Full PDB file with SEQRES, HELIX, SHEET, SSBOND, CRYST1, ORIGX, SCALE, CONECT and MASTER records, all heavy atoms in Angstrom:
SEQRES   1 A   32  ILE GLY GLN TYR MET GLN PRO TYR LEU LEU PHE LEU ASP          
SEQRES   2 A   32  SER GLN PHE ASN ALA ILE GLU GLN GLY THR MET ASP MET          
SEQRES   3 A   32  THR PHE TYR ASP GLY SER                                      
SHEET    1 AA1 2 TYR A   8  LEU A  12  0                                        
SHEET    2 AA1 2 ALA A  18  THR A  23 -1                                        
CRYST1    1.000    1.000    1.000  90.00  90.00  90.00 P 1           1          
ORIGX1      1.000000  0.000000  0.000000        0.00000                         
ORIGX2      0.000000  1.000000  0.000000        0.00000                         
ORIGX3      0.000000  0.000000  1.000000        0.00000                         
SCALE1      1.000000  0.000000  0.000000        0.00000                         
SCALE2      0.000000  1.000000  0.000000        0.00000                         
SCALE3      0.000000  0.000000  1.000000        0.00000                         
ATOM      1  N   ILE A   1      90.809  69.116  87.194  1.00  0.00           N  
ATOM      2  CA  ILE A   1      90.893  69.926  88.417  1.00  0.00           C  
ATOM      3  C   ILE A   1      91.534  69.080  89.510  1.00  0.00           C  
ATOM      4  O   ILE A   1      91.168  67.927  89.702  1.00  0.00           O  
ATOM      5  CB  ILE A   1      89.485  70.368  88.833  1.00  0.00           C  
ATOM      6  CG1 ILE A   1      88.906  71.277  87.745  1.00  0.00           C  
ATOM      7  CG2 ILE A   1      89.501  71.071  90.180  1.00  0.00           C  
ATOM      8  CD1 ILE A   1      87.431  71.517  87.872  1.00  0.00           C  
ATOM      9  N   GLY A   2      92.492  69.648  90.201  1.00  0.00           N  
ATOM     10  CA  GLY A   2      93.093  68.947  91.323  1.00  0.00           C  
ATOM     11  C   GLY A   2      94.469  69.454  91.654  1.00  0.00           C  
ATOM     12  O   GLY A   2      94.737  69.932  92.743  1.00  0.00           O  
ATOM     13  N   GLN A   3      95.386  69.392  90.719  1.00  0.00           N  
ATOM     14  CA  GLN A   3      96.792  69.756  90.977  1.00  0.00           C  
ATOM     15  C   GLN A   3      97.058  71.198  90.558  1.00  0.00           C  
ATOM     16  O   GLN A   3      96.851  71.567  89.414  1.00  0.00           O  
ATOM     17  CB  GLN A   3      97.682  68.798  90.181  1.00  0.00           C  
ATOM     18  CG  GLN A   3      99.131  68.860  90.544  1.00  0.00           C  
ATOM     19  CD  GLN A   3      99.948  68.008  89.602  1.00  0.00           C  
ATOM     20  OE1 GLN A   3     100.488  68.514  88.618  1.00  0.00           O  
ATOM     21  NE2 GLN A   3     100.037  66.716  89.870  1.00  0.00           N  
ATOM     22  N   TYR A   4      97.495  72.005  91.521  1.00  0.00           N  
ATOM     23  CA  TYR A   4      97.804  73.401  91.219  1.00  0.00           C  
ATOM     24  C   TYR A   4      98.941  73.893  92.116  1.00  0.00           C  
ATOM     25  O   TYR A   4      99.296  73.247  93.098  1.00  0.00           O  
ATOM     26  CB  TYR A   4      96.565  74.299  91.399  1.00  0.00           C  
ATOM     27  CG  TYR A   4      96.255  74.634  92.841  1.00  0.00           C  
ATOM     28  CD1 TYR A   4      96.530  75.889  93.353  1.00  0.00           C  
ATOM     29  CD2 TYR A   4      95.693  73.698  93.703  1.00  0.00           C  
ATOM     30  CE1 TYR A   4      96.261  76.209  94.678  1.00  0.00           C  
ATOM     31  CE2 TYR A   4      95.419  74.000  95.019  1.00  0.00           C  
ATOM     32  CZ  TYR A   4      95.707  75.268  95.505  1.00  0.00           C  
ATOM     33  OH  TYR A   4      95.457  75.569  96.812  1.00  0.00           O  
ATOM     34  N   MET A   5      99.498  75.034  91.764  1.00  0.00           N  
ATOM     35  CA  MET A   5     100.579  75.642  92.534  1.00  0.00           C  
ATOM     36  C   MET A   5      99.978  76.656  93.507  1.00  0.00           C  
ATOM     37  O   MET A   5      99.297  77.586  93.087  1.00  0.00           O  
ATOM     38  CB  MET A   5     101.566  76.342  91.593  1.00  0.00           C  
ATOM     39  CG  MET A   5     102.677  77.074  92.297  1.00  0.00           C  
ATOM     40  SD  MET A   5     103.731  77.955  91.104  1.00  0.00           S  
ATOM     41  CE  MET A   5     105.186  76.895  91.154  1.00  0.00           C  
ATOM     42  N   GLN A   6     100.210  76.463  94.802  1.00  0.00           N  
ATOM     43  CA  GLN A   6      99.759  77.430  95.811  1.00  0.00           C  
ATOM     44  C   GLN A   6     100.763  78.581  95.817  1.00  0.00           C  
ATOM     45  O   GLN A   6     101.910  78.406  96.206  1.00  0.00           O  
ATOM     46  CB  GLN A   6      99.698  76.788  97.196  1.00  0.00           C  
ATOM     47  CG  GLN A   6      99.360  77.753  98.309  1.00  0.00           C  
ATOM     48  CD  GLN A   6      97.950  78.326  98.238  1.00  0.00           C  
ATOM     49  OE1 GLN A   6      97.006  77.611  97.922  1.00  0.00           O  
ATOM     50  NE2 GLN A   6      97.808  79.595  98.517  1.00  0.00           N  
ATOM     51  N   PRO A   7     100.359  79.772  95.357  1.00  0.00           N  
ATOM     52  CA  PRO A   7     101.343  80.859  95.240  1.00  0.00           C  
ATOM     53  C   PRO A   7     101.705  81.516  96.565  1.00  0.00           C  
ATOM     54  O   PRO A   7     100.864  81.684  97.438  1.00  0.00           O  
ATOM     55  CB  PRO A   7     100.629  81.862  94.319  1.00  0.00           C  
ATOM     56  CG  PRO A   7      99.185  81.587  94.495  1.00  0.00           C  
ATOM     57  CD  PRO A   7      99.054  80.137  94.840  1.00  0.00           C  
ATOM     58  N   TYR A   8     102.969  81.838  96.675  1.00  0.00           N  
ATOM     59  CA  TYR A   8     103.498  82.680  97.761  1.00  0.00           C  
ATOM     60  C   TYR A   8     104.020  83.943  97.092  1.00  0.00           C  
ATOM     61  O   TYR A   8     104.559  83.886  95.987  1.00  0.00           O  
ATOM     62  CB  TYR A   8     104.639  81.973  98.489  1.00  0.00           C  
ATOM     63  CG  TYR A   8     104.168  80.911  99.443  1.00  0.00           C  
ATOM     64  CD1 TYR A   8     103.675  79.700  98.989  1.00  0.00           C  
ATOM     65  CD2 TYR A   8     104.226  81.128 100.828  1.00  0.00           C  
ATOM     66  CE1 TYR A   8     103.238  78.732  99.869  1.00  0.00           C  
ATOM     67  CE2 TYR A   8     103.788  80.165 101.708  1.00  0.00           C  
ATOM     68  CZ  TYR A   8     103.289  78.974 101.228  1.00  0.00           C  
ATOM     69  OH  TYR A   8     102.848  78.020 102.102  1.00  0.00           O  
ATOM     70  N   LEU A   9     103.862  85.066  97.754  1.00  0.00           N  
ATOM     71  CA  LEU A   9     104.362  86.332  97.229  1.00  0.00           C  
ATOM     72  C   LEU A   9     105.391  86.907  98.179  1.00  0.00           C  
ATOM     73  O   LEU A   9     105.196  86.893  99.394  1.00  0.00           O  
ATOM     74  CB  LEU A   9     103.215  87.327  97.051  1.00  0.00           C  
ATOM     75  CG  LEU A   9     102.112  86.918  96.069  1.00  0.00           C  
ATOM     76  CD1 LEU A   9     101.001  87.949  96.057  1.00  0.00           C  
ATOM     77  CD2 LEU A   9     102.672  86.724  94.679  1.00  0.00           C  
ATOM     78  N   LEU A  10     106.471  87.409  97.600  1.00  0.00           N  
ATOM     79  CA  LEU A  10     107.506  88.108  98.351  1.00  0.00           C  
ATOM     80  C   LEU A  10     107.547  89.526  97.806  1.00  0.00           C  
ATOM     81  O   LEU A  10     107.808  89.748  96.621  1.00  0.00           O  
ATOM     82  CB  LEU A  10     108.857  87.424  98.169  1.00  0.00           C  
ATOM     83  CG  LEU A  10     110.088  88.123  98.743  1.00  0.00           C  
ATOM     84  CD1 LEU A  10     109.951  88.349 100.255  1.00  0.00           C  
ATOM     85  CD2 LEU A  10     111.334  87.306  98.444  1.00  0.00           C  
ATOM     86  N   PHE A  11     107.227  90.493  98.661  1.00  0.00           N  
ATOM     87  CA  PHE A  11     107.229  91.911  98.299  1.00  0.00           C  
ATOM     88  C   PHE A  11     108.543  92.527  98.763  1.00  0.00           C  
ATOM     89  O   PHE A  11     108.918  92.390  99.935  1.00  0.00           O  
ATOM     90  CB  PHE A  11     106.052  92.639  98.949  1.00  0.00           C  
ATOM     91  CG  PHE A  11     104.709  92.120  98.516  1.00  0.00           C  
ATOM     92  CD1 PHE A  11     104.052  91.159  99.271  1.00  0.00           C  
ATOM     93  CD2 PHE A  11     104.109  92.598  97.375  1.00  0.00           C  
ATOM     94  CE1 PHE A  11     102.805  90.679  98.886  1.00  0.00           C  
ATOM     95  CE2 PHE A  11     102.862  92.134  96.977  1.00  0.00           C  
ATOM     96  CZ  PHE A  11     102.213  91.165  97.732  1.00  0.00           C  
ATOM     97  N   LEU A  12     109.228  93.216  97.836  1.00  0.00           N  
ATOM     98  CA  LEU A  12     110.537  93.810  98.122  1.00  0.00           C  
ATOM     99  C   LEU A  12     110.498  95.315  97.883  1.00  0.00           C  
ATOM    100  O   LEU A  12     109.797  95.784  96.985  1.00  0.00           O  
ATOM    101  CB  LEU A  12     111.610  93.192  97.232  1.00  0.00           C  
ATOM    102  CG  LEU A  12     111.757  91.676  97.267  1.00  0.00           C  
ATOM    103  CD1 LEU A  12     112.640  91.197  96.125  1.00  0.00           C  
ATOM    104  CD2 LEU A  12     112.309  91.223  98.605  1.00  0.00           C  
ATOM    105  N   ASP A  13     111.308  96.051  98.643  1.00  0.00           N  
ATOM    106  CA  ASP A  13     111.442  97.481  98.375  1.00  0.00           C  
ATOM    107  C   ASP A  13     112.522  97.702  97.315  1.00  0.00           C  
ATOM    108  O   ASP A  13     113.072  96.732  96.772  1.00  0.00           O  
ATOM    109  CB  ASP A  13     111.722  98.262  99.665  1.00  0.00           C  
ATOM    110  CG  ASP A  13     113.073  97.945 100.298  1.00  0.00           C  
ATOM    111  OD1 ASP A  13     113.958  97.356  99.639  1.00  0.00           O  
ATOM    112  OD2 ASP A  13     113.261  98.300 101.480  1.00  0.00           O  
ATOM    113  N   SER A  14     112.837  98.942  97.021  1.00  0.00           N  
ATOM    114  CA  SER A  14     113.786  99.262  95.954  1.00  0.00           C  
ATOM    115  C   SER A  14     115.207  98.803  96.251  1.00  0.00           C  
ATOM    116  O   SER A  14     116.032  98.705  95.344  1.00  0.00           O  
ATOM    117  CB  SER A  14     113.773 100.755  95.662  1.00  0.00           C  
ATOM    118  OG  SER A  14     114.163 101.480  96.815  1.00  0.00           O  
ATOM    119  N   GLN A  15     115.506  98.486  97.502  1.00  0.00           N  
ATOM    120  CA  GLN A  15     116.825  97.983  97.901  1.00  0.00           C  
ATOM    121  C   GLN A  15     116.829  96.458  98.070  1.00  0.00           C  
ATOM    122  O   GLN A  15     117.765  95.899  98.626  1.00  0.00           O  
ATOM    123  CB  GLN A  15     117.271  98.657  99.196  1.00  0.00           C  
ATOM    124  CG  GLN A  15     117.371 100.173  99.104  1.00  0.00           C  
ATOM    125  CD  GLN A  15     118.350 100.614  98.047  1.00  0.00           C  
ATOM    126  OE1 GLN A  15     119.495 100.163  98.019  1.00  0.00           O  
ATOM    127  NE2 GLN A  15     117.907 101.479  97.146  1.00  0.00           N  
ATOM    128  N   PHE A  16     115.751  95.798  97.604  1.00  0.00           N  
ATOM    129  CA  PHE A  16     115.579  94.345  97.662  1.00  0.00           C  
ATOM    130  C   PHE A  16     115.434  93.812  99.091  1.00  0.00           C  
ATOM    131  O   PHE A  16     115.729  92.653  99.363  1.00  0.00           O  
ATOM    132  CB  PHE A  16     116.706  93.605  96.918  1.00  0.00           C  
ATOM    133  CG  PHE A  16     116.828  94.040  95.494  1.00  0.00           C  
ATOM    134  CD1 PHE A  16     117.802  94.953  95.107  1.00  0.00           C  
ATOM    135  CD2 PHE A  16     115.945  93.586  94.522  1.00  0.00           C  
ATOM    136  CE1 PHE A  16     117.916  95.377  93.797  1.00  0.00           C  
ATOM    137  CE2 PHE A  16     116.038  93.996  93.214  1.00  0.00           C  
ATOM    138  CZ  PHE A  16     117.033  94.894  92.842  1.00  0.00           C  
ATOM    139  N   ASN A  17     114.962  94.657 100.000  1.00  0.00           N  
ATOM    140  CA  ASN A  17     114.663  94.215 101.359  1.00  0.00           C  
ATOM    141  C   ASN A  17     113.232  93.706 101.390  1.00  0.00           C  
ATOM    142  O   ASN A  17     112.323  94.318 100.785  1.00  0.00           O  
ATOM    143  CB  ASN A  17     114.799  95.382 102.352  1.00  0.00           C  
ATOM    144  CG  ASN A  17     116.217  95.896 102.407  1.00  0.00           C  
ATOM    145  OD1 ASN A  17     117.148  95.141 102.612  1.00  0.00           O  
ATOM    146  ND2 ASN A  17     116.375  97.203 102.218  1.00  0.00           N  
ATOM    147  N   ALA A  18     113.004  92.606 102.105  1.00  0.00           N  
ATOM    148  CA  ALA A  18     111.672  92.030 102.214  1.00  0.00           C  
ATOM    149  C   ALA A  18     110.760  92.958 103.030  1.00  0.00           C  
ATOM    150  O   ALA A  18     111.138  93.403 104.112  1.00  0.00           O  
ATOM    151  CB  ALA A  18     111.742  90.661 102.869  1.00  0.00           C  
ATOM    152  N   ILE A  19     109.581  93.241 102.476  1.00  0.00           N  
ATOM    153  CA  ILE A  19     108.565  94.017 103.165  1.00  0.00           C  
ATOM    154  C   ILE A  19     107.542  93.081 103.770  1.00  0.00           C  
ATOM    155  O   ILE A  19     107.125  93.233 104.911  1.00  0.00           O  
ATOM    156  CB  ILE A  19     107.858  94.999 102.194  1.00  0.00           C  
ATOM    157  CG1 ILE A  19     108.861  95.967 101.584  1.00  0.00           C  
ATOM    158  CG2 ILE A  19     106.738  95.736 102.912  1.00  0.00           C  
ATOM    159  CD1 ILE A  19     108.263  96.801 100.456  1.00  0.00           C  
ATOM    160  N   GLU A  20     107.123  92.100 102.958  1.00  0.00           N  
ATOM    161  CA  GLU A  20     106.111  91.140 103.394  1.00  0.00           C  
ATOM    162  C   GLU A  20     106.276  89.873 102.568  1.00  0.00           C  
ATOM    163  O   GLU A  20     106.705  89.924 101.411  1.00  0.00           O  
ATOM    164  CB  GLU A  20     104.707  91.724 103.168  1.00  0.00           C  
ATOM    165  CG  GLU A  20     103.574  90.887 103.674  1.00  0.00           C  
ATOM    166  CD  GLU A  20     102.221  91.545 103.431  1.00  0.00           C  
ATOM    167  OE1 GLU A  20     102.073  92.747 103.713  1.00  0.00           O  
ATOM    168  OE2 GLU A  20     101.316  90.848 102.940  1.00  0.00           O  
ATOM    169  N   GLN A  21     105.915  88.732 103.165  1.00  0.00           N  
ATOM    170  CA  GLN A  21     106.047  87.448 102.481  1.00  0.00           C  
ATOM    171  C   GLN A  21     104.953  86.530 102.981  1.00  0.00           C  
ATOM    172  O   GLN A  21     104.653  86.515 104.166  1.00  0.00           O  
ATOM    173  CB  GLN A  21     107.421  86.852 102.787  1.00  0.00           C  
ATOM    174  CG  GLN A  21     107.729  85.571 102.091  1.00  0.00           C  
ATOM    175  CD  GLN A  21     109.175  85.124 102.351  1.00  0.00           C  
ATOM    176  OE1 GLN A  21     109.868  85.688 103.185  1.00  0.00           O  
ATOM    177  NE2 GLN A  21     109.608  84.117 101.634  1.00  0.00           N  
ATOM    178  N   GLY A  22     104.340  85.778 102.074  1.00  0.00           N  
ATOM    179  CA  GLY A  22     103.334  84.812 102.502  1.00  0.00           C  
ATOM    180  C   GLY A  22     102.415  84.407 101.377  1.00  0.00           C  
ATOM    181  O   GLY A  22     102.576  84.812 100.228  1.00  0.00           O  
ATOM    182  N   THR A  23     101.422  83.615 101.729  1.00  0.00           N  
ATOM    183  CA  THR A  23     100.441  83.119 100.775  1.00  0.00           C  
ATOM    184  C   THR A  23      99.091  83.712 101.131  1.00  0.00           C  
ATOM    185  O   THR A  23      98.988  84.582 101.990  1.00  0.00           O  
ATOM    186  CB  THR A  23     100.420  81.590 100.761  1.00  0.00           C  
ATOM    187  OG1 THR A  23      99.629  81.144  99.652  1.00  0.00           O  
ATOM    188  CG2 THR A  23      99.894  80.986 102.047  1.00  0.00           C  
ATOM    189  N   MET A  24      98.052  83.284 100.461  1.00  0.00           N  
ATOM    190  CA  MET A  24      96.713  83.789 100.700  1.00  0.00           C  
ATOM    191  C   MET A  24      95.724  82.654 100.527  1.00  0.00           C  
ATOM    192  O   MET A  24      96.045  81.618  99.964  1.00  0.00           O  
ATOM    193  CB  MET A  24      96.386  84.950  99.754  1.00  0.00           C  
ATOM    194  CG  MET A  24      96.098  84.588  98.322  1.00  0.00           C  
ATOM    195  SD  MET A  24      97.462  84.083  97.233  1.00  0.00           S  
ATOM    196  CE  MET A  24      98.738  85.234  97.534  1.00  0.00           C  
ATOM    197  N   ASP A  25      94.506  82.869 101.041  1.00  0.00           N  
ATOM    198  CA  ASP A  25      93.445  81.898 100.813  1.00  0.00           C  
ATOM    199  C   ASP A  25      93.076  81.934  99.339  1.00  0.00           C  
ATOM    200  O   ASP A  25      93.022  82.992  98.716  1.00  0.00           O  
ATOM    201  CB  ASP A  25      92.210  82.244 101.652  1.00  0.00           C  
ATOM    202  CG  ASP A  25      92.432  82.018 103.137  1.00  0.00           C  
ATOM    203  OD1 ASP A  25      93.295  81.181 103.497  1.00  0.00           O  
ATOM    204  OD2 ASP A  25      91.745  82.672 103.944  1.00  0.00           O  
ATOM    205  N   MET A  26      92.833  80.760  98.790  1.00  0.00           N  
ATOM    206  CA  MET A  26      92.450  80.639  97.383  1.00  0.00           C  
ATOM    207  C   MET A  26      91.061  80.004  97.325  1.00  0.00           C  
ATOM    208  O   MET A  26      90.724  79.124  98.121  1.00  0.00           O  
ATOM    209  CB  MET A  26      93.442  79.774  96.624  1.00  0.00           C  
ATOM    210  CG  MET A  26      94.886  80.260  96.655  1.00  0.00           C  
ATOM    211  SD  MET A  26      95.201  81.750  95.729  1.00  0.00           S  
ATOM    212  CE  MET A  26      95.283  81.110  94.062  1.00  0.00           C  
ATOM    213  N   THR A  27      90.244  80.446  96.361  1.00  0.00           N  
ATOM    214  CA  THR A  27      88.893  79.952  96.167  1.00  0.00           C  
ATOM    215  C   THR A  27      88.792  79.321  94.784  1.00  0.00           C  
ATOM    216  O   THR A  27      89.357  79.832  93.818  1.00  0.00           O  
ATOM    217  CB  THR A  27      87.885  81.126  96.255  1.00  0.00           C  
ATOM    218  OG1 THR A  27      88.044  81.758  97.523  1.00  0.00           O  
ATOM    219  CG2 THR A  27      86.456  80.649  96.107  1.00  0.00           C  
ATOM    220  N   PHE A  28      88.040  78.230  94.674  1.00  0.00           N  
ATOM    221  CA  PHE A  28      87.857  77.546  93.400  1.00  0.00           C  
ATOM    222  C   PHE A  28      86.903  78.322  92.502  1.00  0.00           C  
ATOM    223  O   PHE A  28      85.841  78.756  92.922  1.00  0.00           O  
ATOM    224  CB  PHE A  28      87.305  76.138  93.641  1.00  0.00           C  
ATOM    225  CG  PHE A  28      86.910  75.430  92.378  1.00  0.00           C  
ATOM    226  CD1 PHE A  28      87.865  74.943  91.508  1.00  0.00           C  
ATOM    227  CD2 PHE A  28      85.571  75.256  92.055  1.00  0.00           C  
ATOM    228  CE1 PHE A  28      87.500  74.298  90.331  1.00  0.00           C  
ATOM    229  CE2 PHE A  28      85.200  74.617  90.888  1.00  0.00           C  
ATOM    230  CZ  PHE A  28      86.166  74.129  90.026  1.00  0.00           C  
ATOM    231  N   TYR A  29      87.300  78.496  91.214  1.00  0.00           N  
ATOM    232  CA  TYR A  29      86.426  79.049  90.174  1.00  0.00           C  
ATOM    233  C   TYR A  29      86.421  78.061  89.024  1.00  0.00           C  
ATOM    234  O   TYR A  29      87.470  77.639  88.562  1.00  0.00           O  
ATOM    235  CB  TYR A  29      86.925  80.420  89.686  1.00  0.00           C  
ATOM    236  CG  TYR A  29      86.443  81.533  90.592  1.00  0.00           C  
ATOM    237  CD1 TYR A  29      87.122  81.843  91.758  1.00  0.00           C  
ATOM    238  CD2 TYR A  29      85.278  82.241  90.287  1.00  0.00           C  
ATOM    239  CE1 TYR A  29      86.652  82.834  92.605  1.00  0.00           C  
ATOM    240  CE2 TYR A  29      84.809  83.232  91.127  1.00  0.00           C  
ATOM    241  CZ  TYR A  29      85.509  83.523  92.283  1.00  0.00           C  
ATOM    242  OH  TYR A  29      85.048  84.496  93.112  1.00  0.00           O  
ATOM    243  N   ASP A  30      85.212  77.714  88.569  1.00  0.00           N  
ATOM    244  CA  ASP A  30      85.110  76.656  87.562  1.00  0.00           C  
ATOM    245  C   ASP A  30      85.404  77.126  86.144  1.00  0.00           C  
ATOM    246  O   ASP A  30      85.373  76.328  85.222  1.00  0.00           O  
ATOM    247  CB  ASP A  30      83.753  75.967  87.632  1.00  0.00           C  
ATOM    248  CG  ASP A  30      82.604  76.830  87.158  1.00  0.00           C  
ATOM    249  OD1 ASP A  30      82.840  77.973  86.704  1.00  0.00           O  
ATOM    250  OD2 ASP A  30      81.447  76.371  87.256  1.00  0.00           O  
ATOM    251  N   GLY A  31      85.678  78.398  85.945  1.00  0.00           N  
ATOM    252  CA  GLY A  31      86.042  78.871  84.616  1.00  0.00           C  
ATOM    253  C   GLY A  31      84.899  79.466  83.830  1.00  0.00           C  
ATOM    254  O   GLY A  31      85.097  79.934  82.720  1.00  0.00           O  
ATOM    255  N   SER A  32      83.698  79.469  84.375  1.00  0.00           N  
ATOM    256  CA  SER A  32      82.574  80.058  83.628  1.00  0.00           C  
ATOM    257  C   SER A  32      82.323  81.511  84.044  1.00  0.00           C  
ATOM    258  O   SER A  32      81.399  82.130  83.567  1.00  0.00           O  
ATOM    259  CB  SER A  32      81.314  79.233  83.852  1.00  0.00           C  
ATOM    260  OG  SER A  32      80.970  79.207  85.210  1.00  0.00           O  
TER     261      SER A  32                                                      
MASTER        0    0    0    0    2    0    0    6  260    1    0    3          
END                                                                             
């Protein structure tokens, strides 16, 4: 546990125009 990719999401409409872009808060889950 330690190294991970912080995801960013880019939401596009049908014409490939950006609607929203950004990341989110992430919470640790131990896998159980």
